[in-house]
mmCIF file of all heavy atoms, coordinates in Angstrom:
data_MODEL
# 
_entry.id   MODEL 
# 
loop_
_atom_site.group_PDB 
_atom_site.id 
_atom_site.type_symbol 
_atom_site.label_atom_id 
_atom_site.label_alt_id 
_atom_site.label_comp_id 
_atom_site.label_asym_id 
_atom_site.label_entity_id 
_atom_site.label_seq_id 
_atom_site.pdbx_PDB_ins_code 
_atom_site.Cartn_x 
_atom_site.Cartn_y 
_atom_site.Cartn_z 
_atom_site.occupancy 
_atom_site.B_iso_or_equiv 
_atom_site.pdbx_formal_charge 
_atom_site.auth_seq_id 
_atom_site.auth_comp_id 
_atom_site.auth_asym_id 
_atom_site.auth_atom_id 
_atom_site.pdbx_PDB_model_num 
ATOM 1   N N   . ASN A 1 1  ? 0.809  -1.209  0.000  1.00 0.00 ? 1  ASN A N   1 
ATOM 2   C CA  . ASN A 1 1  ? 0.000  0.000   0.000  1.00 0.00 ? 1  ASN A CA  1 
ATOM 3   C C   . ASN A 1 1  ? 0.851  1.272   0.000  1.00 0.00 ? 1  ASN A C   1 
ATOM 4   O O   . ASN A 1 1  ? 0.359  2.355   0.304  1.00 0.00 ? 1  ASN A O   1 
ATOM 5   C CB  . ASN A 1 1  ? -0.968 -0.015  1.180  1.00 0.00 ? 1  ASN A CB  1 
ATOM 6   C CG  . ASN A 1 1  ? -2.108 -0.987  0.964  1.00 0.00 ? 1  ASN A CG  1 
ATOM 7   O OD1 . ASN A 1 1  ? -2.881 -0.847  0.017  1.00 0.00 ? 1  ASN A OD1 1 
ATOM 8   N ND2 . ASN A 1 1  ? -2.209 -2.000  1.814  1.00 0.00 ? 1  ASN A ND2 1 
ATOM 9   N N   . GLY A 1 2  ? 2.127  1.135   -0.339 1.00 0.00 ? 2  GLY A N   1 
ATOM 10  C CA  . GLY A 1 2  ? 2.921  2.302   -0.680 1.00 0.00 ? 2  GLY A CA  1 
ATOM 11  C C   . GLY A 1 2  ? 3.873  2.866   0.343  1.00 0.00 ? 2  GLY A C   1 
ATOM 12  O O   . GLY A 1 2  ? 4.372  3.981   0.163  1.00 0.00 ? 2  GLY A O   1 
ATOM 13  N N   . CYS A 1 3  ? 4.181  2.130   1.426  1.00 0.00 ? 3  CYS A N   1 
ATOM 14  C CA  . CYS A 1 3  ? 5.126  2.644   2.420  1.00 0.00 ? 3  CYS A CA  1 
ATOM 15  C C   . CYS A 1 3  ? 6.541  2.152   2.133  1.00 0.00 ? 3  CYS A C   1 
ATOM 16  O O   . CYS A 1 3  ? 6.740  1.037   1.639  1.00 0.00 ? 3  CYS A O   1 
ATOM 17  C CB  . CYS A 1 3  ? 4.707  2.233   3.825  1.00 0.00 ? 3  CYS A CB  1 
ATOM 18  S SG  . CYS A 1 3  ? 3.159  3.031   4.345  1.00 0.00 ? 3  CYS A SG  1 
ATOM 19  N N   . ASP A 1 4  ? 7.510  2.986   2.475  1.00 0.00 ? 4  ASP A N   1 
ATOM 20  C CA  . ASP A 1 4  ? 8.908  2.707   2.164  1.00 0.00 ? 4  ASP A CA  1 
ATOM 21  C C   . ASP A 1 4  ? 9.748  2.377   3.392  1.00 0.00 ? 4  ASP A C   1 
ATOM 22  O O   . ASP A 1 4  ? 10.731 1.645   3.287  1.00 0.00 ? 4  ASP A O   1 
ATOM 23  C CB  . ASP A 1 4  ? 9.535  3.922   1.463  1.00 0.00 ? 4  ASP A CB  1 
ATOM 24  C CG  . ASP A 1 4  ? 8.723  4.374   0.260  1.00 0.00 ? 4  ASP A CG  1 
ATOM 25  O OD1 . ASP A 1 4  ? 8.639  3.597   -0.703 1.00 0.00 ? 4  ASP A OD1 1 
ATOM 26  O OD2 . ASP A 1 4  ? 8.165  5.492   0.304  1.00 0.00 ? 4  ASP A OD2 1 
ATOM 27  N N   . LEU A 1 5  ? 9.383  2.933   4.546  1.00 0.00 ? 5  LEU A N   1 
ATOM 28  C CA  . LEU A 1 5  ? 10.136 2.728   5.776  1.00 0.00 ? 5  LEU A CA  1 
ATOM 29  C C   . LEU A 1 5  ? 9.180  2.346   6.903  1.00 0.00 ? 5  LEU A C   1 
ATOM 30  O O   . LEU A 1 5  ? 8.031  2.802   6.935  1.00 0.00 ? 5  LEU A O   1 
ATOM 31  C CB  . LEU A 1 5  ? 10.895 3.993   6.166  1.00 0.00 ? 5  LEU A CB  1 
ATOM 32  C CG  . LEU A 1 5  ? 11.946 4.506   5.176  1.00 0.00 ? 5  LEU A CG  1 
ATOM 33  C CD1 . LEU A 1 5  ? 12.412 5.897   5.573  1.00 0.00 ? 5  LEU A CD1 1 
ATOM 34  C CD2 . LEU A 1 5  ? 13.130 3.554   5.082  1.00 0.00 ? 5  LEU A CD2 1 
ATOM 35  N N   . PHE A 1 6  ? 9.671  1.524   7.829  1.00 0.00 ? 6  PHE A N   1 
ATOM 36  C CA  . PHE A 1 6  ? 8.866  1.049   8.948  1.00 0.00 ? 6  PHE A CA  1 
ATOM 37  C C   . PHE A 1 6  ? 9.747  1.014   10.195 1.00 0.00 ? 6  PHE A C   1 
ATOM 38  O O   . PHE A 1 6  ? 10.925 0.680   10.117 1.00 0.00 ? 6  PHE A O   1 
ATOM 39  C CB  . PHE A 1 6  ? 8.348  -0.370  8.695  1.00 0.00 ? 6  PHE A CB  1 
ATOM 40  C CG  . PHE A 1 6  ? 7.554  -0.527  7.432  1.00 0.00 ? 6  PHE A CG  1 
ATOM 41  C CD1 . PHE A 1 6  ? 8.195  -0.640  6.205  1.00 0.00 ? 6  PHE A CD1 1 
ATOM 42  C CD2 . PHE A 1 6  ? 6.166  -0.563  7.457  1.00 0.00 ? 6  PHE A CD2 1 
ATOM 43  C CE1 . PHE A 1 6  ? 7.466  -0.790  5.028  1.00 0.00 ? 6  PHE A CE1 1 
ATOM 44  C CE2 . PHE A 1 6  ? 5.426  -0.712  6.298  1.00 0.00 ? 6  PHE A CE2 1 
ATOM 45  C CZ  . PHE A 1 6  ? 6.082  -0.823  5.071  1.00 0.00 ? 6  PHE A CZ  1 
ATOM 46  N N   . ASP A 1 7  ? 9.179  1.352   11.347 1.00 0.00 ? 7  ASP A N   1 
ATOM 47  C CA  . ASP A 1 7  ? 9.910  1.183   12.608 1.00 0.00 ? 7  ASP A CA  1 
ATOM 48  C C   . ASP A 1 7  ? 8.986  0.566   13.640 1.00 0.00 ? 7  ASP A C   1 
ATOM 49  O O   . ASP A 1 7  ? 7.772  0.768   13.605 1.00 0.00 ? 7  ASP A O   1 
ATOM 50  C CB  . ASP A 1 7  ? 10.463 2.518   13.114 1.00 0.00 ? 7  ASP A CB  1 
ATOM 51  C CG  . ASP A 1 7  ? 9.387  3.392   13.749 1.00 0.00 ? 7  ASP A CG  1 
ATOM 52  O OD1 . ASP A 1 7  ? 9.121  3.234   14.950 1.00 0.00 ? 7  ASP A OD1 1 
ATOM 53  O OD2 . ASP A 1 7  ? 8.793  4.222   13.029 1.00 0.00 ? 7  ASP A OD2 1 
ATOM 54  N N   . CYS A 1 8  ? 9.575  -0.180  14.558 1.00 0.00 ? 8  CYS A N   1 
ATOM 55  C CA  . CYS A 1 8  ? 8.767  -0.795  15.617 1.00 0.00 ? 8  CYS A CA  1 
ATOM 56  C C   . CYS A 1 8  ? 9.698  -1.349  16.683 1.00 0.00 ? 8  CYS A C   1 
ATOM 57  O O   . CYS A 1 8  ? 10.789 -1.851  16.366 1.00 0.00 ? 8  CYS A O   1 
ATOM 58  C CB  . CYS A 1 8  ? 7.910  -1.921  15.039 1.00 0.00 ? 8  CYS A CB  1 
ATOM 59  S SG  . CYS A 1 8  ? 6.677  -2.566  16.183 1.00 0.00 ? 8  CYS A SG  1 
ATOM 60  N N   . VAL A 1 9  ? 9.280  -1.265  17.939 1.00 0.00 ? 9  VAL A N   1 
ATOM 61  C CA  . VAL A 1 9  ? 10.080 -1.813  19.040 1.00 0.00 ? 9  VAL A CA  1 
ATOM 62  C C   . VAL A 1 9  ? 9.850  -3.315  19.212 1.00 0.00 ? 9  VAL A C   1 
ATOM 63  O O   . VAL A 1 9  ? 10.553 -3.958  20.000 1.00 0.00 ? 9  VAL A O   1 
ATOM 64  C CB  . VAL A 1 9  ? 9.771  -1.104  20.367 1.00 0.00 ? 9  VAL A CB  1 
ATOM 65  C CG1 . VAL A 1 9  ? 10.109 0.372   20.287 1.00 0.00 ? 9  VAL A CG1 1 
ATOM 66  C CG2 . VAL A 1 9  ? 8.298  -1.296  20.769 1.00 0.00 ? 9  VAL A CG2 1 
ATOM 67  N N   . ALA A 1 10 ? 8.879  -3.885  18.494 1.00 0.00 ? 10 ALA A N   1 
ATOM 68  C CA  . ALA A 1 10 ? 8.473  -5.270  18.739 1.00 0.00 ? 10 ALA A CA  1 
ATOM 69  C C   . ALA A 1 10 ? 9.613  -6.289  18.670 1.00 0.00 ? 10 ALA A C   1 
ATOM 70  O O   . ALA A 1 10 ? 9.707  -7.160  19.550 1.00 0.00 ? 10 ALA A O   1 
ATOM 71  C CB  . ALA A 1 10 ? 7.345  -5.670  17.781 1.00 0.00 ? 10 ALA A CB  1 
ATOM 72  N N   . PRO A 1 11 ? 10.491 -6.266  17.666 1.00 0.00 ? 11 PRO A N   1 
ATOM 73  C CA  . PRO A 1 11 ? 11.508 -7.326  17.585 1.00 0.00 ? 11 PRO A CA  1 
ATOM 74  C C   . PRO A 1 11 ? 12.363 -7.458  18.842 1.00 0.00 ? 11 PRO A C   1 
ATOM 75  O O   . PRO A 1 11 ? 12.623 -8.573  19.307 1.00 0.00 ? 11 PRO A O   1 
ATOM 76  C CB  . PRO A 1 11 ? 12.349 -6.910  16.368 1.00 0.00 ? 11 PRO A CB  1 
ATOM 77  C CG  . PRO A 1 11 ? 11.418 -6.118  15.515 1.00 0.00 ? 11 PRO A CG  1 
ATOM 78  C CD  . PRO A 1 11 ? 10.557 -5.369  16.489 1.00 0.00 ? 11 PRO A CD  1 
ATOM 79  N N   . THR A 1 12 ? 12.798 -6.327  19.398 1.00 0.00 ? 12 THR A N   1 
ATOM 80  C CA  . THR A 1 12 ? 13.624 -6.409  20.604 1.00 0.00 ? 12 THR A CA  1 
ATOM 81  C C   . THR A 1 12 ? 12.774 -6.577  21.860 1.00 0.00 ? 12 THR A C   1 
ATOM 82  O O   . THR A 1 12 ? 13.182 -7.263  22.801 1.00 0.00 ? 12 THR A O   1 
ATOM 83  C CB  . THR A 1 12 ? 14.516 -5.160  20.736 1.00 0.00 ? 12 THR A CB  1 
ATOM 84  O OG1 . THR A 1 12 ? 13.720 -3.981  20.581 1.00 0.00 ? 12 THR A OG1 1 
ATOM 85  C CG2 . THR A 1 12 ? 15.596 -5.165  19.670 1.00 0.00 ? 12 THR A CG2 1 
ATOM 86  N N   . ARG A 1 13 ? 11.597 -5.975  21.883 1.00 0.00 ? 13 ARG A N   1 
ATOM 87  C CA  . ARG A 1 13 ? 10.741 -6.095  23.073 1.00 0.00 ? 13 ARG A CA  1 
ATOM 88  C C   . ARG A 1 13 ? 10.303 -7.539  23.290 1.00 0.00 ? 13 ARG A C   1 
ATOM 89  O O   . ARG A 1 13 ? 10.411 -8.067  24.405 1.00 0.00 ? 13 ARG A O   1 
ATOM 90  C CB  . ARG A 1 13 ? 9.521  -5.188  22.944 1.00 0.00 ? 13 ARG A CB  1 
ATOM 91  C CG  . ARG A 1 13 ? 8.533  -5.316  24.100 1.00 0.00 ? 13 ARG A CG  1 
ATOM 92  C CD  . ARG A 1 13 ? 7.406  -4.305  23.986 1.00 0.00 ? 13 ARG A CD  1 
ATOM 93  N NE  . ARG A 1 13 ? 7.880  -2.958  24.278 1.00 0.00 ? 13 ARG A NE  1 
ATOM 94  C CZ  . ARG A 1 13 ? 7.172  -1.852  24.070 1.00 0.00 ? 13 ARG A CZ  1 
ATOM 95  N NH1 . ARG A 1 13 ? 5.969  -1.939  23.533 1.00 0.00 ? 13 ARG A NH1 1 
ATOM 96  N NH2 . ARG A 1 13 ? 7.669  -0.668  24.387 1.00 0.00 ? 13 ARG A NH2 1 
ATOM 97  N N   . ILE A 1 14 ? 9.813  -8.181  22.248 1.00 0.00 ? 14 ILE A N   1 
ATOM 98  C CA  . ILE A 1 14 ? 9.380  -9.577  22.428 1.00 0.00 ? 14 ILE A CA  1 
ATOM 99  C C   . ILE A 1 14 ? 10.586 -10.489 22.613 1.00 0.00 ? 14 ILE A C   1 
ATOM 100 O O   . ILE A 1 14 ? 10.503 -11.500 23.316 1.00 0.00 ? 14 ILE A O   1 
ATOM 101 C CB  . ILE A 1 14 ? 8.481  -10.068 21.275 1.00 0.00 ? 14 ILE A CB  1 
ATOM 102 C CG1 . ILE A 1 14 ? 9.261  -10.231 19.982 1.00 0.00 ? 14 ILE A CG1 1 
ATOM 103 C CG2 . ILE A 1 14 ? 7.277  -9.160  21.080 1.00 0.00 ? 14 ILE A CG2 1 
ATOM 104 C CD1 . ILE A 1 14 ? 8.503  -10.978 18.896 1.00 0.00 ? 14 ILE A CD1 1 
ATOM 105 N N   . GLY A 1 15 ? 11.720 -10.110 21.995 1.00 0.00 ? 15 GLY A N   1 
ATOM 106 C CA  . GLY A 1 15 ? 12.926 -10.908 22.162 1.00 0.00 ? 15 GLY A CA  1 
ATOM 107 C C   . GLY A 1 15 ? 13.371 -10.954 23.607 1.00 0.00 ? 15 GLY A C   1 
ATOM 108 O O   . GLY A 1 15 ? 13.759 -12.012 24.121 1.00 0.00 ? 15 GLY A O   1 
ATOM 109 N N   . ARG A 1 16 ? 13.312 -9.812  24.287 1.00 0.00 ? 16 ARG A N   1 
ATOM 110 C CA  . ARG A 1 16 ? 13.718 -9.778  25.695 1.00 0.00 ? 16 ARG A CA  1 
ATOM 111 C C   . ARG A 1 16 ? 12.787 -10.608 26.574 1.00 0.00 ? 16 ARG A C   1 
ATOM 112 O O   . ARG A 1 16 ? 13.148 -10.956 27.702 1.00 0.00 ? 16 ARG A O   1 
ATOM 113 C CB  . ARG A 1 16 ? 13.746 -8.330  26.203 1.00 0.00 ? 16 ARG A CB  1 
ATOM 114 C CG  . ARG A 1 16 ? 14.795 -7.467  25.534 1.00 0.00 ? 16 ARG A CG  1 
ATOM 115 C CD  . ARG A 1 16 ? 14.996 -6.154  26.279 1.00 0.00 ? 16 ARG A CD  1 
ATOM 116 N NE  . ARG A 1 16 ? 13.779 -5.366  26.433 1.00 0.00 ? 16 ARG A NE  1 
ATOM 117 C CZ  . ARG A 1 16 ? 13.300 -4.529  25.522 1.00 0.00 ? 16 ARG A CZ  1 
ATOM 118 N NH1 . ARG A 1 16 ? 13.922 -4.405  24.350 1.00 0.00 ? 16 ARG A NH1 1 
ATOM 119 N NH2 . ARG A 1 16 ? 12.205 -3.824  25.741 1.00 0.00 ? 16 ARG A NH2 1 
ATOM 120 N N   . ASN A 1 17 ? 11.605 -10.912 26.066 1.00 0.00 ? 17 ASN A N   1 
ATOM 121 C CA  . ASN A 1 17 ? 10.644 -11.716 26.820 1.00 0.00 ? 17 ASN A CA  1 
ATOM 122 C C   . ASN A 1 17 ? 10.582 -13.167 26.346 1.00 0.00 ? 17 ASN A C   1 
ATOM 123 O O   . ASN A 1 17 ? 9.695  -13.921 26.751 1.00 0.00 ? 17 ASN A O   1 
ATOM 124 C CB  . ASN A 1 17 ? 9.256  -11.082 26.736 1.00 0.00 ? 17 ASN A CB  1 
ATOM 125 C CG  . ASN A 1 17 ? 9.184  -9.766  27.503 1.00 0.00 ? 17 ASN A CG  1 
ATOM 126 O OD1 . ASN A 1 17 ? 9.445  -9.726  28.689 1.00 0.00 ? 17 ASN A OD1 1 
ATOM 127 N ND2 . ASN A 1 17 ? 8.858  -8.693  26.813 1.00 0.00 ? 17 ASN A ND2 1 
ATOM 128 N N   . GLY A 1 18 ? 11.521 -13.540 25.478 1.00 0.00 ? 18 GLY A N   1 
ATOM 129 C CA  . GLY A 1 18 ? 11.624 -14.946 25.086 1.00 0.00 ? 18 GLY A CA  1 
ATOM 130 C C   . GLY A 1 18 ? 10.826 -15.357 23.876 1.00 0.00 ? 18 GLY A C   1 
ATOM 131 O O   . GLY A 1 18 ? 10.727 -16.553 23.588 1.00 0.00 ? 18 GLY A O   1 
ATOM 132 N N   . SER A 1 19 ? 10.261 -14.395 23.134 1.00 0.00 ? 19 SER A N   1 
ATOM 133 C CA  . SER A 1 19 ? 9.524  -14.727 21.915 1.00 0.00 ? 19 SER A CA  1 
ATOM 134 C C   . SER A 1 19 ? 10.397 -14.437 20.703 1.00 0.00 ? 19 SER A C   1 
ATOM 135 O O   . SER A 1 19 ? 11.084 -13.412 20.658 1.00 0.00 ? 19 SER A O   1 
ATOM 136 C CB  . SER A 1 19 ? 8.233  -13.917 21.817 1.00 0.00 ? 19 SER A CB  1 
ATOM 137 O OG  . SER A 1 19 ? 7.319  -14.325 22.802 1.00 0.00 ? 19 SER A OG  1 
ATOM 138 N N   . MET A 1 20 ? 10.347 -15.333 19.716 1.00 0.00 ? 20 MET A N   1 
ATOM 139 C CA  . MET A 1 20 ? 11.193 -15.172 18.535 1.00 0.00 ? 20 MET A CA  1 
ATOM 140 C C   . MET A 1 20 ? 10.420 -15.504 17.272 1.00 0.00 ? 20 MET A C   1 
ATOM 141 O O   . MET A 1 20 ? 9.558  -16.388 17.264 1.00 0.00 ? 20 MET A O   1 
ATOM 142 C CB  . MET A 1 20 ? 12.442 -16.039 18.651 1.00 0.00 ? 20 MET A CB  1 
ATOM 143 C CG  . MET A 1 20 ? 13.535 -15.411 19.504 1.00 0.00 ? 20 MET A CG  1 
ATOM 144 S SD  . MET A 1 20 ? 14.784 -16.594 20.027 1.00 0.00 ? 20 MET A SD  1 
ATOM 145 C CE  . MET A 1 20 ? 14.064 -17.158 21.553 1.00 0.00 ? 20 MET A CE  1 
ATOM 146 N N   . TYR A 1 21 ? 10.758 -14.778 16.218 1.00 0.00 ? 21 TYR A N   1 
ATOM 147 C CA  . TYR A 1 21 ? 10.158 -15.037 14.910 1.00 0.00 ? 21 TYR A CA  1 
ATOM 148 C C   . TYR A 1 21 ? 10.856 -16.239 14.265 1.00 0.00 ? 21 TYR A C   1 
ATOM 149 O O   . TYR A 1 21 ? 12.075 -16.407 14.374 1.00 0.00 ? 21 TYR A O   1 
ATOM 150 C CB  . TYR A 1 21 ? 10.340 -13.832 13.980 1.00 0.00 ? 21 TYR A CB  1 
ATOM 151 C CG  . TYR A 1 21 ? 9.757  -12.542 14.477 1.00 0.00 ? 21 TYR A CG  1 
ATOM 152 C CD1 . TYR A 1 21 ? 10.575 -11.430 14.702 1.00 0.00 ? 21 TYR A CD1 1 
ATOM 153 C CD2 . TYR A 1 21 ? 8.395  -12.404 14.721 1.00 0.00 ? 21 TYR A CD2 1 
ATOM 154 C CE1 . TYR A 1 21 ? 10.052 -10.226 15.148 1.00 0.00 ? 21 TYR A CE1 1 
ATOM 155 C CE2 . TYR A 1 21 ? 7.864  -11.209 15.173 1.00 0.00 ? 21 TYR A CE2 1 
ATOM 156 C CZ  . TYR A 1 21 ? 8.698  -10.122 15.381 1.00 0.00 ? 21 TYR A CZ  1 
ATOM 157 O OH  . TYR A 1 21 ? 8.174  -8.935  15.825 1.00 0.00 ? 21 TYR A OH  1 
ATOM 158 N N   . THR A 1 22 ? 10.054 -17.072 13.596 1.00 0.00 ? 22 THR A N   1 
ATOM 159 C CA  . THR A 1 22 ? 10.605 -18.122 12.739 1.00 0.00 ? 22 THR A CA  1 
ATOM 160 C C   . THR A 1 22 ? 9.764  -18.159 11.474 1.00 0.00 ? 22 THR A C   1 
ATOM 161 O O   . THR A 1 22 ? 8.695  -17.537 11.398 1.00 0.00 ? 22 THR A O   1 
ATOM 162 C CB  . THR A 1 22 ? 10.563 -19.511 13.412 1.00 0.00 ? 22 THR A CB  1 
ATOM 163 O OG1 . THR A 1 22 ? 9.209  -20.021 13.374 1.00 0.00 ? 22 THR A OG1 1 
ATOM 164 C CG2 . THR A 1 22 ? 11.052 -19.459 14.863 1.00 0.00 ? 22 THR A CG2 1 
ATOM 165 N N   . LYS A 1 23 ? 10.233 -18.897 10.499 1.00 0.00 ? 23 LYS A N   1 
ATOM 166 C CA  . LYS A 1 23 ? 9.473  -18.997 9.243  1.00 0.00 ? 23 LYS A CA  1 
ATOM 167 C C   . LYS A 1 23 ? 8.113  -19.635 9.467  1.00 0.00 ? 23 LYS A C   1 
ATOM 168 O O   . LYS A 1 23 ? 7.197  -19.451 8.674  1.00 0.00 ? 23 LYS A O   1 
ATOM 169 C CB  . LYS A 1 23 ? 10.276 -19.800 8.208  1.00 0.00 ? 23 LYS A CB  1 
ATOM 170 C CG  . LYS A 1 23 ? 11.508 -19.063 7.701  1.00 0.00 ? 23 LYS A CG  1 
ATOM 171 C CD  . LYS A 1 23 ? 12.189 -19.823 6.593  1.00 0.00 ? 23 LYS A CD  1 
ATOM 172 C CE  . LYS A 1 23 ? 12.847 -21.089 7.070  1.00 0.00 ? 23 LYS A CE  1 
ATOM 173 N NZ  . LYS A 1 23 ? 14.009 -20.858 7.965  1.00 0.00 ? 23 LYS A NZ  1 
ATOM 174 N N   . GLN A 1 24 ? 7.971  -20.404 10.568 1.00 0.00 ? 24 GLN A N   1 
ATOM 175 C CA  . GLN A 1 24 ? 6.685  -21.041 10.884 1.00 0.00 ? 24 GLN A CA  1 
ATOM 176 C C   . GLN A 1 24 ? 5.858  -20.238 11.885 1.00 0.00 ? 24 GLN A C   1 
ATOM 177 O O   . GLN A 1 24 ? 4.852  -20.720 12.386 1.00 0.00 ? 24 GLN A O   1 
ATOM 178 C CB  . GLN A 1 24 ? 6.927  -22.453 11.430 1.00 0.00 ? 24 GLN A CB  1 
ATOM 179 C CG  . GLN A 1 24 ? 7.309  -23.477 10.375 1.00 0.00 ? 24 GLN A CG  1 
ATOM 180 C CD  . GLN A 1 24 ? 8.723  -23.259 9.859  1.00 0.00 ? 24 GLN A CD  1 
ATOM 181 O OE1 . GLN A 1 24 ? 9.634  -23.012 10.641 1.00 0.00 ? 24 GLN A OE1 1 
ATOM 182 N NE2 . GLN A 1 24 ? 8.909  -23.348 8.549  1.00 0.00 ? 24 GLN A NE2 1 
ATOM 183 N N   . GLY A 1 25 ? 6.265  -19.026 12.181 1.00 0.00 ? 25 GLY A N   1 
ATOM 184 C CA  . GLY A 1 25 ? 5.537  -18.189 13.126 1.00 0.00 ? 25 GLY A CA  1 
ATOM 185 C C   . GLY A 1 25 ? 6.337  -17.953 14.396 1.00 0.00 ? 25 GLY A C   1 
ATOM 186 O O   . GLY A 1 25 ? 7.473  -18.411 14.532 1.00 0.00 ? 25 GLY A O   1 
# 
């Protein structure tokens, strides 16, 4: 839908709480 840049604290915030992204979710 036309956006070029994105920011979010989620990757590090959830990482510090033990959640991690994988290709399966």
